[in-house]
Amino acid sequence: TLSFLETRMLHWPDSMFTYVKEDQILFSSDAFGEHLATSERFDDEVNPDVLMHEATKYDANILTLYSPLVKKLLAKVAEMNLPIKMIAPDHGVVWRSHIDKILEAYGRWCVHEGKGNALIIYDTMWDSTRLMAKGIAEGLQEVGIPYKMINLQVNHRSDVMTDVLEASAIILGCPTLNNGMLPRMAGFLMYMRGLRPTNKIGVAFGSYGWSGEAVKLMNKSMTEMKFTICHPGLKVQYVPEETDLTECIQLGNTIGRTLQDFLAGKEINSVEDII
């Protein structure tokens, strides 16, 4: 006996769930999938850390844009109260032992709930912006915020988005080139804007030689994504000196404390005097 549930735009217009009553199997089309090539067929036959990483990456780069639809779909499936022994997606392994775990993860991902951590995503030309990133990281560490530094020169945008999905603060760093951003940062922001992550705190920083428009442009992108901009942005001319690095550490402190308030449920408004 087959039951059908339309799941339009997850992520195709004609997507549909199919439930087999007798076997209690949910064929979930593109939901709950992974781009994981393996001879094993089931979730309990593969490394659980690899499996969840691939499931996170799949959601982050394919379904983030459709998160409101995912949220409605999860509510509908819960309402139907179907006994489910297996979830068989179009891509990746079949879920049979960790069904609750993937459903719980999708419940967090569809509202873009972070894990209380910060990402420092940066590109650098002559190392000045990297030095600023290290100072901000030190400031985050001082107030107890877990962080990860991601250099766009050596990380693919799909891997960066995987981290963005579960991050609570996005800190972007880039020097100015020809009155704009470096191409890697510009390309990454175009990619991220298309996926529309939300529920993030955002801050921009960067070095410059003449005018320093990169920080303004990164702030503009994060504002368009409705990030909460908690600092106007930090620009340093040429190579950062000791006083500049101290300011970077202080910025890390500020971001960390703001993030703690954000996670405690306090209302955080974007600053008005954005660079």
C-alpha atoms as a PDB file:
ATOM      1  CA  THR A   1       0.000   0.000   0.000  1.00  0.00           C
ATOM      2  CA  LEU A   2       1.544   3.266  -1.127  1.00  0.00           C
ATOM      3  CA  SER A   3       0.897   6.731   0.254  1.00  0.00           C
ATOM      4  CA  PHE A   4       2.219   9.871  -1.415  1.00  0.00           C
ATOM      5  CA  LEU A   5       3.166  13.269  -0.073  1.00  0.00           C
ATOM      6  CA  GLU A   6       4.056  16.060  -2.464  1.00  0.00           C
ATOM      7  CA  THR A   7       7.302  17.800  -1.546  1.00  0.00           C
ATOM      8  CA  ARG A   8       7.504  20.436  -4.241  1.00  0.00           C
ATOM      9  CA  MET A   9      10.815  22.282  -4.519  1.00  0.00           C
ATOM     10  CA  LEU A  10      12.719  19.849  -2.285  1.00  0.00           C
ATOM     11  CA  HIS A  11      14.455  20.458  -4.413  1.00  0.00           C
ATOM     12  CA  TRP A  12      12.567  19.851  -7.680  1.00  0.00           C
ATOM     13  CA  PRO A  13       9.060  20.993  -8.632  1.00  0.00           C
ATOM     14  CA  ASP A  14       7.887  17.372  -8.961  1.00  0.00           C
ATOM     15  CA  SER A  15       9.538  15.949  -5.811  1.00  0.00           C
ATOM     16  CA  MET A  16       7.415  13.516  -3.790  1.00  0.00           C
ATOM     17  CA  PHE A  17       7.684  11.250  -0.743  1.00  0.00           C
ATOM     18  CA  THR A  18       6.387   7.698  -1.038  1.00  0.00           C
ATOM     19  CA  TYR A  19       5.496   5.632   2.045  1.00  0.00           C
ATOM     20  CA  VAL A  20       5.169   1.825   1.913  1.00  0.00           C
ATOM     21  CA  LYS A  21       2.762   0.912   4.693  1.00  0.00           C
ATOM     22  CA  GLU A  22       3.547  -2.815   4.971  1.00  0.00           C
ATOM     23  CA  ASP A  23       7.351  -2.341   5.140  1.00  0.00           C
ATOM     24  CA  GLN A  24       7.199   1.046   6.919  1.00  0.00           C
ATOM     25  CA  ILE A  25       9.700   2.521   4.469  1.00  0.00           C
ATOM     26  CA  LEU A  26       9.721   6.199   3.544  1.00  0.00           C
ATOM     27  CA  PHE A  27      11.226   6.885   0.124  1.00  0.00           C
ATOM     28  CA  SER A  28      12.231  10.500   0.694  1.00  0.00           C
ATOM     29  CA  SER A  29      13.389  11.655  -2.727  1.00  0.00           C
ATOM     30  CA  ASP A  30      16.075  14.359  -2.194  1.00  0.00           C
ATOM     31  CA  ALA A  31      15.493  14.842   1.540  1.00  0.00           C
ATOM     32  CA  PHE A  32      17.778  13.153   4.097  1.00  0.00           C
ATOM     33  CA  GLY A  33      20.349  12.347   1.419  1.00  0.00           C
ATOM     34  CA  GLU A  34      24.118  12.609   1.092  1.00  0.00           C
ATOM     35  CA  HIS A  35      26.522  12.634  -1.825  1.00  0.00           C
ATOM     36  CA  LEU A  36      28.285   9.605  -0.396  1.00  0.00           C
ATOM     37  CA  ALA A  37      29.700   6.955  -2.711  1.00  0.00           C
ATOM     38  CA  THR A  38      30.016   3.695  -0.788  1.00  0.00           C
ATOM     39  CA  SER A  39      29.455  -0.040  -1.251  1.00  0.00           C
ATOM     40  CA  GLU A  40      27.584  -0.099   2.071  1.00  0.00           C
ATOM     41  CA  ARG A  41      23.841   0.422   1.865  1.00  0.00           C
ATOM     42  CA  PHE A  42      22.793   1.403   5.391  1.00  0.00           C
ATOM     43  CA  ASP A  43      23.613   4.128   7.900  1.00  0.00           C
ATOM     44  CA  ASP A  44      24.921   1.697  10.524  1.00  0.00           C
ATOM     45  CA  GLU A  45      27.468   0.275   8.090  1.00  0.00           C
ATOM     46  CA  VAL A  46      29.447   3.474   7.555  1.00  0.00           C
ATOM     47  CA  ASN A  47      31.493   5.749   9.819  1.00  0.00           C
ATOM     48  CA  PRO A  48      28.886   7.826  11.710  1.00  0.00           C
ATOM     49  CA  ASP A  49      31.041  10.977  11.673  1.00  0.00           C
ATOM     50  CA  VAL A  50      31.551  10.743   7.904  1.00  0.00           C
ATOM     51  CA  LEU A  51      27.843  10.092   7.405  1.00  0.00           C
ATOM     52  CA  MET A  52      26.671  13.105   9.410  1.00  0.00           C
ATOM     53  CA  HIS A  53      29.275  15.342   7.792  1.00  0.00           C
ATOM     54  CA  GLU A  54      28.048  14.340   4.336  1.00  0.00           C
ATOM     55  CA  ALA A  55      24.415  14.752   5.376  1.00  0.00           C
ATOM     56  CA  THR A  56      25.234  18.231   6.711  1.00  0.00           C
ATOM     57  CA  LYS A  57      27.085  19.152   3.517  1.00  0.00           C
ATOM     58  CA  TYR A  58      24.174  17.950   1.378  1.00  0.00           C
ATOM     59  CA  ASP A  59      21.629  19.991   3.323  1.00  0.00           C
ATOM     60  CA  ALA A  60      23.857  23.073   3.483  1.00  0.00           C
ATOM     61  CA  ASN A  61      24.513  23.236  -0.259  1.00  0.00           C
ATOM     62  CA  ILE A  62      21.198  21.995  -1.658  1.00  0.00           C
ATOM     63  CA  LEU A  63      18.339  22.434   0.795  1.00  0.00           C
ATOM     64  CA  THR A  64      19.275  25.564   2.789  1.00  0.00           C
ATOM     65  CA  LEU A  65      17.443  27.747   0.272  1.00  0.00           C
ATOM     66  CA  TYR A  66      14.290  25.692   0.845  1.00  0.00           C
ATOM     67  CA  SER A  67      14.454  25.603   4.639  1.00  0.00           C
ATOM     68  CA  PRO A  68      10.932  27.049   5.186  1.00  0.00           C
ATOM     69  CA  LEU A  69       9.534  24.235   3.039  1.00  0.00           C
ATOM     70  CA  VAL A  70      11.582  21.650   4.952  1.00  0.00           C
ATOM     71  CA  LYS A  71      10.171  22.978   8.225  1.00  0.00           C
ATOM     72  CA  LYS A  72       6.592  22.607   6.966  1.00  0.00           C
ATOM     73  CA  LEU A  73       7.336  19.138   5.626  1.00  0.00           C
ATOM     74  CA  LEU A  74       8.766  17.915   8.947  1.00  0.00           C
ATOM     75  CA  ALA A  75       5.658  19.188  10.719  1.00  0.00           C
ATOM     76  CA  LYS A  76       3.438  17.391   8.197  1.00  0.00           C
ATOM     77  CA  VAL A  77       5.323  14.093   8.590  1.00  0.00           C
ATOM     78  CA  ALA A  78       5.080  14.381  12.390  1.00  0.00           C
ATOM     79  CA  GLU A  79       1.358  15.069  12.086  1.00  0.00           C
ATOM     80  CA  MET A  80       0.885  11.931   9.985  1.00  0.00           C
ATOM     81  CA  ASN A  81       2.526   9.911  12.798  1.00  0.00           C
ATOM     82  CA  LEU A  82       3.864   7.266  10.443  1.00  0.00           C
ATOM     83  CA  PRO A  83       5.816   4.340  11.889  1.00  0.00           C
ATOM     84  CA  ILE A  84       9.104   4.479   9.983  1.00  0.00           C
ATOM     85  CA  LYS A  85      11.624   1.644   9.962  1.00  0.00           C
ATOM     86  CA  MET A  86      13.696   3.020   7.098  1.00  0.00           C
ATOM     87  CA  ILE A  87      14.219   6.263   5.206  1.00  0.00           C
ATOM     88  CA  ALA A  88      15.525   5.669   1.690  1.00  0.00           C
ATOM     89  CA  PRO A  89      16.679   8.869  -0.068  1.00  0.00           C
ATOM     90  CA  ASP A  90      17.614   9.220  -3.732  1.00  0.00           C
ATOM     91  CA  HIS A  91      21.252   9.902  -2.789  1.00  0.00           C
ATOM     92  CA  GLY A  92      23.403   8.128  -0.228  1.00  0.00           C
ATOM     93  CA  VAL A  93      22.737   5.386   2.295  1.00  0.00           C
ATOM     94  CA  VAL A  94      19.428   4.168   3.719  1.00  0.00           C
ATOM     95  CA  TRP A  95      18.656   5.283   7.281  1.00  0.00           C
ATOM     96  CA  ARG A  96      17.524   2.460   9.566  1.00  0.00           C
ATOM     97  CA  SER A  97      19.401   2.777  12.880  1.00  0.00           C
ATOM     98  CA  HIS A  98      19.756   6.554  13.248  1.00  0.00           C
ATOM     99  CA  ILE A  99      16.425   7.841  11.957  1.00  0.00           C
ATOM    100  CA  ASP A 100      15.816   9.989  15.049  1.00  0.00           C
ATOM    101  CA  LYS A 101      19.266  11.546  14.664  1.00  0.00           C
ATOM    102  CA  ILE A 102      18.749  12.703  11.072  1.00  0.00           C
ATOM    103  CA  LEU A 103      15.232  13.961  11.819  1.00  0.00           C
ATOM    104  CA  GLU A 104      16.573  15.944  14.791  1.00  0.00           C
ATOM    105  CA  ALA A 105      19.359  17.381  12.635  1.00  0.00           C
ATOM    106  CA  TYR A 106      16.922  18.462   9.928  1.00  0.00           C
ATOM    107  CA  GLY A 107      14.813  20.114  12.627  1.00  0.00           C
ATOM    108  CA  ARG A 108      17.824  22.270  13.568  1.00  0.00           C
ATOM    109  CA  TRP A 109      19.023  22.883  10.032  1.00  0.00           C
ATOM    110  CA  CYS A 110      15.691  24.106   8.714  1.00  0.00           C
ATOM    111  CA  VAL A 111      15.694  26.974  11.232  1.00  0.00           C
ATOM    112  CA  HIS A 112      19.455  27.552  10.734  1.00  0.00           C
ATOM    113  CA  GLU A 113      20.147  26.947  14.400  1.00  0.00           C
ATOM    114  CA  GLY A 114      23.848  27.359  15.140  1.00  0.00           C
ATOM    115  CA  LYS A 115      25.943  25.572  17.725  1.00  0.00           C
ATOM    116  CA  GLY A 116      27.228  28.706  19.458  1.00  0.00           C
ATOM    117  CA  ASN A 117      30.444  28.874  17.465  1.00  0.00           C
ATOM    118  CA  ALA A 118      32.039  31.470  15.197  1.00  0.00           C
ATOM    119  CA  LEU A 119      33.543  31.129  11.725  1.00  0.00           C
ATOM    120  CA  ILE A 120      36.279  33.459  10.558  1.00  0.00           C
ATOM    121  CA  ILE A 121      36.107  33.179   6.767  1.00  0.00           C
ATOM    122  CA  TYR A 122      38.838  35.154   5.063  1.00  0.00           C
ATOM    123  CA  ASP A 123      41.019  35.684   2.041  1.00  0.00           C
ATOM    124  CA  THR A 124      44.323  37.502   2.191  1.00  0.00           C
ATOM    125  CA  MET A 125      46.719  39.079  -0.289  1.00  0.00           C
ATOM    126  CA  TRP A 126      49.941  39.955   1.546  1.00  0.00           C
ATOM    127  CA  ASP A 127      49.038  38.366   4.904  1.00  0.00           C
ATOM    128  CA  SER A 128      47.694  41.502   6.608  1.00  0.00           C
ATOM    129  CA  THR A 129      44.091  40.279   6.679  1.00  0.00           C
ATOM    130  CA  ARG A 130      45.240  36.889   7.997  1.00  0.00           C
ATOM    131  CA  LEU A 131      47.022  38.625  10.873  1.00  0.00           C
ATOM    132  CA  MET A 132      43.790  40.479  11.665  1.00  0.00           C
ATOM    133  CA  ALA A 133      41.889  37.178  11.571  1.00  0.00           C
ATOM    134  CA  LYS A 134      44.306  35.672  14.096  1.00  0.00           C
ATOM    135  CA  GLY A 135      43.788  38.647  16.408  1.00  0.00           C
ATOM    136  CA  ILE A 136      40.000  38.296  16.238  1.00  0.00           C
ATOM    137  CA  ALA A 137      40.356  34.567  16.929  1.00  0.00           C
ATOM    138  CA  GLU A 138      42.414  35.353  20.019  1.00  0.00           C
ATOM    139  CA  GLY A 139      39.684  37.686  21.213  1.00  0.00           C
ATOM    140  CA  LEU A 140      37.008  35.037  20.733  1.00  0.00           C
ATOM    141  CA  GLN A 141      39.089  32.533  22.646  1.00  0.00           C
ATOM    142  CA  GLU A 142      39.490  34.945  25.561  1.00  0.00           C
ATOM    143  CA  VAL A 143      35.719  35.007  26.114  1.00  0.00           C
ATOM    144  CA  GLY A 144      35.255  31.273  25.588  1.00  0.00           C
ATOM    145  CA  ILE A 145      33.741  31.173  22.088  1.00  0.00           C
ATOM    146  CA  PRO A 146      34.718  28.175  19.944  1.00  0.00           C
ATOM    147  CA  TYR A 147      35.858  29.277  16.508  1.00  0.00           C
ATOM    148  CA  LYS A 148      37.251  28.027  13.224  1.00  0.00           C
ATOM    149  CA  MET A 149      39.424  29.960  10.781  1.00  0.00           C
ATOM    150  CA  ILE A 150      38.710  29.193   7.122  1.00  0.00           C
ATOM    151  CA  ASN A 151      41.057  30.388   4.388  1.00  0.00           C
ATOM    152  CA  LEU A 152      39.151  30.625   1.109  1.00  0.00           C
ATOM    153  CA  GLN A 153      42.367  29.967  -0.798  1.00  0.00           C
ATOM    154  CA  VAL A 154      42.401  26.335   0.339  1.00  0.00           C
ATOM    155  CA  ASN A 155      38.738  25.552   1.073  1.00  0.00           C
ATOM    156  CA  HIS A 156      35.997  24.923  -1.490  1.00  0.00           C
ATOM    157  CA  ARG A 157      32.863  27.000  -1.097  1.00  0.00           C
ATOM    158  CA  SER A 158      30.715  23.888  -0.590  1.00  0.00           C
ATOM    159  CA  ASP A 159      32.862  22.884   2.403  1.00  0.00           C
ATOM    160  CA  VAL A 160      32.676  26.410   3.797  1.00  0.00           C
ATOM    161  CA  MET A 161      28.873  26.387   3.508  1.00  0.00           C
ATOM    162  CA  THR A 162      28.819  23.122   5.454  1.00  0.00           C
ATOM    163  CA  ASP A 163      30.372  24.974   8.384  1.00  0.00           C
ATOM    164  CA  VAL A 164      28.163  28.040   7.856  1.00  0.00           C
ATOM    165  CA  LEU A 165      25.013  25.943   8.307  1.00  0.00           C
ATOM    166  CA  GLU A 166      25.820  25.141  11.934  1.00  0.00           C
ATOM    167  CA  ALA A 167      27.643  28.360  12.876  1.00  0.00           C
ATOM    168  CA  SER A 168      26.147  31.165  14.949  1.00  0.00           C
ATOM    169  CA  ALA A 169      28.521  33.986  13.957  1.00  0.00           C
ATOM    170  CA  ILE A 170      30.003  34.644  10.520  1.00  0.00           C
ATOM    171  CA  ILE A 171      33.086  36.896  10.518  1.00  0.00           C
ATOM    172  CA  LEU A 172      34.253  37.844   7.028  1.00  0.00           C
ATOM    173  CA  GLY A 173      37.715  39.176   6.253  1.00  0.00           C
ATOM    174  CA  CYS A 174      39.057  40.439   2.940  1.00  0.00           C
ATOM    175  CA  PRO A 175      41.475  43.103   1.675  1.00  0.00           C
ATOM    176  CA  THR A 176      40.400  45.608  -0.953  1.00  0.00           C
ATOM    177  CA  LEU A 177      41.346  45.033  -4.589  1.00  0.00           C
ATOM    178  CA  ASN A 178      40.406  47.528  -7.326  1.00  0.00           C
ATOM    179  CA  ASN A 179      37.789  49.161  -5.076  1.00  0.00           C
ATOM    180  CA  GLY A 180      36.187  45.770  -4.383  1.00  0.00           C
ATOM    181  CA  MET A 181      36.733  42.380  -2.795  1.00  0.00           C
ATOM    182  CA  LEU A 182      39.156  39.683  -3.814  1.00  0.00           C
ATOM    183  CA  PRO A 183      37.500  37.364  -6.363  1.00  0.00           C
ATOM    184  CA  ARG A 184      37.317  34.375  -4.000  1.00  0.00           C
ATOM    185  CA  MET A 185      35.392  36.329  -1.366  1.00  0.00           C
ATOM    186  CA  ALA A 186      33.137  37.935  -3.964  1.00  0.00           C
ATOM    187  CA  GLY A 187      32.375  34.520  -5.481  1.00  0.00           C
ATOM    188  CA  PHE A 188      31.760  32.907  -2.111  1.00  0.00           C
ATOM    189  CA  LEU A 189      29.363  35.656  -1.036  1.00  0.00           C
ATOM    190  CA  MET A 190      27.405  35.300  -4.277  1.00  0.00           C
ATOM    191  CA  TYR A 191      27.145  31.563  -3.615  1.00  0.00           C
ATOM    192  CA  MET A 192      26.139  32.022   0.038  1.00  0.00           C
ATOM    193  CA  ARG A 193      23.553  34.702  -0.772  1.00  0.00           C
ATOM    194  CA  GLY A 194      21.907  32.308  -3.206  1.00  0.00           C
ATOM    195  CA  LEU A 195      21.430  29.748  -0.413  1.00  0.00           C
ATOM    196  CA  ARG A 196      20.043  32.375   2.015  1.00  0.00           C
ATOM    197  CA  PRO A 197      21.338  31.279   5.404  1.00  0.00           C
ATOM    198  CA  THR A 198      19.731  33.174   8.279  1.00  0.00           C
ATOM    199  CA  ASN A 199      19.851  33.493  12.064  1.00  0.00           C
ATOM    200  CA  LYS A 200      23.509  34.581  12.123  1.00  0.00           C
ATOM    201  CA  ILE A 201      25.555  37.372  13.653  1.00  0.00           C
ATOM    202  CA  GLY A 202      27.787  39.013  11.055  1.00  0.00           C
ATOM    203  CA  VAL A 203      30.962  41.127  11.185  1.00  0.00           C
ATOM    204  CA  ALA A 204      33.392  42.268   8.474  1.00  0.00           C
ATOM    205  CA  PHE A 205      37.052  43.240   8.601  1.00  0.00           C
ATOM    206  CA  GLY A 206      39.964  43.732   6.234  1.00  0.00           C
ATOM    207  CA  SER A 207      43.144  45.534   5.298  1.00  0.00           C
ATOM    208  CA  TYR A 208      43.553  48.109   2.542  1.00  0.00           C
ATOM    209  CA  GLY A 209      45.982  50.473   0.917  1.00  0.00           C
ATOM    210  CA  TRP A 210      43.857  53.401  -0.320  1.00  0.00           C
ATOM    211  CA  SER A 211      40.101  53.356   0.125  1.00  0.00           C
ATOM    212  CA  GLY A 212      39.076  50.032   1.723  1.00  0.00           C
ATOM    213  CA  GLU A 213      35.698  49.276   0.120  1.00  0.00           C
ATOM    214  CA  ALA A 214      35.843  45.509   0.809  1.00  0.00           C
ATOM    215  CA  VAL A 215      34.497  45.821   4.362  1.00  0.00           C
ATOM    216  CA  LYS A 216      31.574  47.929   3.158  1.00  0.00           C
ATOM    217  CA  LEU A 217      30.740  45.401   0.439  1.00  0.00           C
ATOM    218  CA  MET A 218      30.888  42.446   2.839  1.00  0.00           C
ATOM    219  CA  ASN A 219      28.615  44.298   5.257  1.00  0.00           C
ATOM    220  CA  LYS A 220      26.211  44.975   2.404  1.00  0.00           C
ATOM    221  CA  SER A 221      26.060  41.275   1.502  1.00  0.00           C
ATOM    222  CA  MET A 222      25.428  40.207   5.091  1.00  0.00           C
ATOM    223  CA  THR A 223      22.766  42.883   5.494  1.00  0.00           C
ATOM    224  CA  GLU A 224      21.007  41.539   2.404  1.00  0.00           C
ATOM    225  CA  MET A 225      21.038  38.082   4.012  1.00  0.00           C
ATOM    226  CA  LYS A 226      19.477  39.648   7.130  1.00  0.00           C
ATOM    227  CA  PHE A 227      22.411  38.819   9.365  1.00  0.00           C
ATOM    228  CA  THR A 228      22.556  40.807  12.593  1.00  0.00           C
ATOM    229  CA  ILE A 229      25.540  43.136  12.085  1.00  0.00           C
ATOM    230  CA  CYS A 230      26.921  43.646  15.589  1.00  0.00           C
ATOM    231  CA  HIS A 231      29.880  45.906  14.696  1.00  0.00           C
ATOM    232  CA  PRO A 232      30.367  48.584  12.013  1.00  0.00           C
ATOM    233  CA  GLY A 233      33.404  46.760  10.634  1.00  0.00           C
ATOM    234  CA  LEU A 234      37.137  47.055  11.133  1.00  0.00           C
ATOM    235  CA  LYS A 235      39.581  48.367   8.508  1.00  0.00           C
ATOM    236  CA  VAL A 236      43.364  48.524   8.903  1.00  0.00           C
ATOM    237  CA  GLN A 237      45.578  50.380   6.452  1.00  0.00           C
ATOM    238  CA  TYR A 238      48.610  48.460   5.228  1.00  0.00           C
ATOM    239  CA  VAL A 239      50.216  45.944   7.626  1.00  0.00           C
ATOM    240  CA  PRO A 240      48.542  45.851  11.067  1.00  0.00           C
ATOM    241  CA  GLU A 241      50.690  47.213  13.866  1.00  0.00           C
ATOM    242  CA  GLU A 242      50.515  46.219  17.523  1.00  0.00           C
ATOM    243  CA  THR A 243      47.758  48.740  18.260  1.00  0.00           C
ATOM    244  CA  ASP A 244      45.757  47.422  15.283  1.00  0.00           C
ATOM    245  CA  LEU A 245      46.097  43.822  16.462  1.00  0.00           C
ATOM    246  CA  THR A 246      44.957  44.866  19.928  1.00  0.00           C
ATOM    247  CA  GLU A 247      41.876  46.349  18.280  1.00  0.00           C
ATOM    248  CA  CYS A 248      41.320  43.041  16.489  1.00  0.00           C
ATOM    249  CA  ILE A 249      41.473  41.183  19.806  1.00  0.00           C
ATOM    250  CA  GLN A 250      38.974  43.648  21.264  1.00  0.00           C
ATOM    251  CA  LEU A 251      36.707  43.065  18.273  1.00  0.00           C
ATOM    252  CA  GLY A 252      36.866  39.324  18.965  1.00  0.00           C
ATOM    253  CA  ASN A 253      35.858  40.037  22.576  1.00  0.00           C
ATOM    254  CA  THR A 254      32.924  42.162  21.400  1.00  0.00           C
ATOM    255  CA  ILE A 255      31.705  39.541  18.939  1.00  0.00           C
ATOM    256  CA  GLY A 256      32.011  36.834  21.588  1.00  0.00           C
ATOM    257  CA  ARG A 257      30.016  38.719  24.201  1.00  0.00           C
ATOM    258  CA  THR A 258      27.370  39.671  21.661  1.00  0.00           C
ATOM    259  CA  LEU A 259      27.103  36.051  20.586  1.00  0.00           C
ATOM    260  CA  GLN A 260      26.651  34.979  24.200  1.00  0.00           C
ATOM    261  CA  ASP A 261      23.766  37.437  24.526  1.00  0.00           C
ATOM    262  CA  PHE A 262      22.345  36.234  21.208  1.00  0.00           C
ATOM    263  CA  LEU A 263      22.405  32.616  22.382  1.00  0.00           C
ATOM    264  CA  ALA A 264      20.789  33.616  25.688  1.00  0.00           C
ATOM    265  CA  GLY A 265      17.806  34.920  23.735  1.00  0.00           C
ATOM    266  CA  LYS A 266      18.504  38.614  24.210  1.00  0.00           C
ATOM    267  CA  GLU A 267      17.423  40.890  21.383  1.00  0.00           C
ATOM    268  CA  ILE A 268      20.384  42.034  19.313  1.00  0.00           C
ATOM    269  CA  ASN A 269      19.882  44.827  16.804  1.00  0.00           C
ATOM    270  CA  SER A 270      22.153  45.563  13.891  1.00  0.00           C
ATOM    271  CA  VAL A 271      24.344  48.612  14.369  1.00  0.00           C
ATOM    272  CA  GLU A 272      23.302  51.646  12.341  1.00  0.00           C
ATOM    273  CA  ASP A 273      26.727  53.140  11.612  1.00  0.00           C
ATOM    274  CA  ILE A 274      27.955  50.324   9.354  1.00  0.00           C
ATOM    275  CA  ILE A 275      31.084  51.191   7.387  1.00  0.00           C
END
